[in-house]
Amino acid sequence: GTLDSKSVSVQAGAVFVNCPYCESSYQIEEAPKW
């Protein structure tokens, strides 16, 4: 599956991706591509 912009949020200067399938979120350490 693909993640759209609605699944990505920036919190406390870090990028968090909300997983709609596993109902959990994980932090992205690397810089976003967009």
N, C-alpha and C. Protein backbone atom coordinates (compact mmCIF):
# COMPACT_ATOMS: atom_id res chain seq x y z
N GLY A 1 0.83 -1.20 0.00
CA GLY A 1 0.00 0.00 0.00
C GLY A 1 0.87 1.25 0.00
N THR A 2 0.24 2.36 -0.34
CA THR A 2 0.98 3.61 -0.37
C THR A 2 0.47 4.55 0.71
N LEU A 3 1.34 5.42 1.16
CA LEU A 3 0.96 6.39 2.18
C LEU A 3 0.79 7.76 1.54
N ASP A 4 -0.35 8.38 1.77
CA ASP A 4 -0.57 9.71 1.21
C ASP A 4 -0.20 10.77 2.24
N SER A 5 -0.37 12.02 1.86
CA SER A 5 0.03 13.12 2.74
C SER A 5 -0.81 13.17 4.00
N LYS A 6 -2.01 12.57 3.95
CA LYS A 6 -2.89 12.58 5.11
C LYS A 6 -2.38 11.65 6.21
N SER A 7 -1.53 10.71 5.83
CA SER A 7 -1.02 9.74 6.80
C SER A 7 0.28 10.22 7.44
N VAL A 8 0.79 11.34 6.93
CA VAL A 8 2.06 11.84 7.44
C VAL A 8 1.84 13.12 8.23
N SER A 9 2.41 13.18 9.41
CA SER A 9 2.30 14.38 10.23
C SER A 9 3.65 14.70 10.86
N VAL A 10 3.86 15.99 11.10
CA VAL A 10 5.10 16.41 11.73
C VAL A 10 4.83 16.79 13.18
N GLN A 11 5.48 16.09 14.09
CA GLN A 11 5.28 16.35 15.51
C GLN A 11 6.62 16.57 16.19
N ALA A 12 6.75 17.69 16.89
CA ALA A 12 7.97 18.02 17.63
C ALA A 12 9.20 17.98 16.71
N GLY A 13 9.03 18.43 15.48
CA GLY A 13 10.15 18.49 14.55
C GLY A 13 10.52 17.16 13.94
N ALA A 14 9.75 16.11 14.26
CA ALA A 14 10.04 14.79 13.69
C ALA A 14 8.87 14.36 12.81
N VAL A 15 9.18 13.56 11.82
CA VAL A 15 8.13 13.09 10.91
C VAL A 15 7.56 11.76 11.40
N PHE A 16 6.25 11.74 11.61
CA PHE A 16 5.60 10.51 12.03
C PHE A 16 4.64 10.04 10.94
N VAL A 17 4.65 8.75 10.67
CA VAL A 17 3.74 8.18 9.68
C VAL A 17 2.72 7.30 10.39
N ASN A 18 1.45 7.62 10.19
CA ASN A 18 0.39 6.83 10.81
C ASN A 18 0.02 5.68 9.89
N CYS A 19 0.15 4.46 10.39
CA CYS A 19 -0.18 3.29 9.59
C CYS A 19 -1.65 2.95 9.73
N PRO A 20 -2.43 3.11 8.65
CA PRO A 20 -3.87 2.84 8.69
C PRO A 20 -4.18 1.35 8.76
N TYR A 21 -3.19 0.51 8.51
CA TYR A 21 -3.42 -0.93 8.49
C TYR A 21 -3.12 -1.56 9.86
N CYS A 22 -1.98 -1.16 10.45
CA CYS A 22 -1.62 -1.76 11.73
C CYS A 22 -2.05 -0.86 12.89
N GLU A 23 -2.66 0.27 12.56
CA GLU A 23 -3.15 1.22 13.56
C GLU A 23 -2.06 1.65 14.53
N SER A 24 -0.87 1.85 14.01
CA SER A 24 0.23 2.33 14.84
C SER A 24 1.03 3.37 14.06
N SER A 25 1.90 4.06 14.75
CA SER A 25 2.71 5.07 14.09
C SER A 25 4.18 4.83 14.37
N TYR A 26 5.01 5.21 13.42
CA TYR A 26 6.44 5.06 13.62
C TYR A 26 7.14 6.33 13.15
N GLN A 27 8.31 6.58 13.71
CA GLN A 27 9.03 7.80 13.40
C GLN A 27 10.03 7.57 12.28
N ILE A 28 10.07 8.52 11.37
CA ILE A 28 11.02 8.45 10.27
C ILE A 28 12.27 9.25 10.64
N GLU A 29 13.41 8.60 10.61
CA GLU A 29 14.65 9.25 10.99
C GLU A 29 15.23 10.06 9.83
N GLU A 30 15.08 9.54 8.62
CA GLU A 30 15.65 10.22 7.46
C GLU A 30 14.74 11.36 7.01
N ALA A 31 15.29 12.26 6.22
CA ALA A 31 14.52 13.42 5.75
C ALA A 31 13.49 12.97 4.71
N PRO A 32 12.31 13.60 4.74
CA PRO A 32 11.26 13.27 3.77
C PRO A 32 11.68 13.63 2.34
N LYS A 33 11.13 12.94 1.38
CA LYS A 33 11.52 13.11 -0.01
C LYS A 33 10.80 14.29 -0.68
N TRP A 34 9.78 14.82 -0.01
CA TRP A 34 9.01 15.87 -0.66
C TRP A 34 9.24 17.25 -0.11
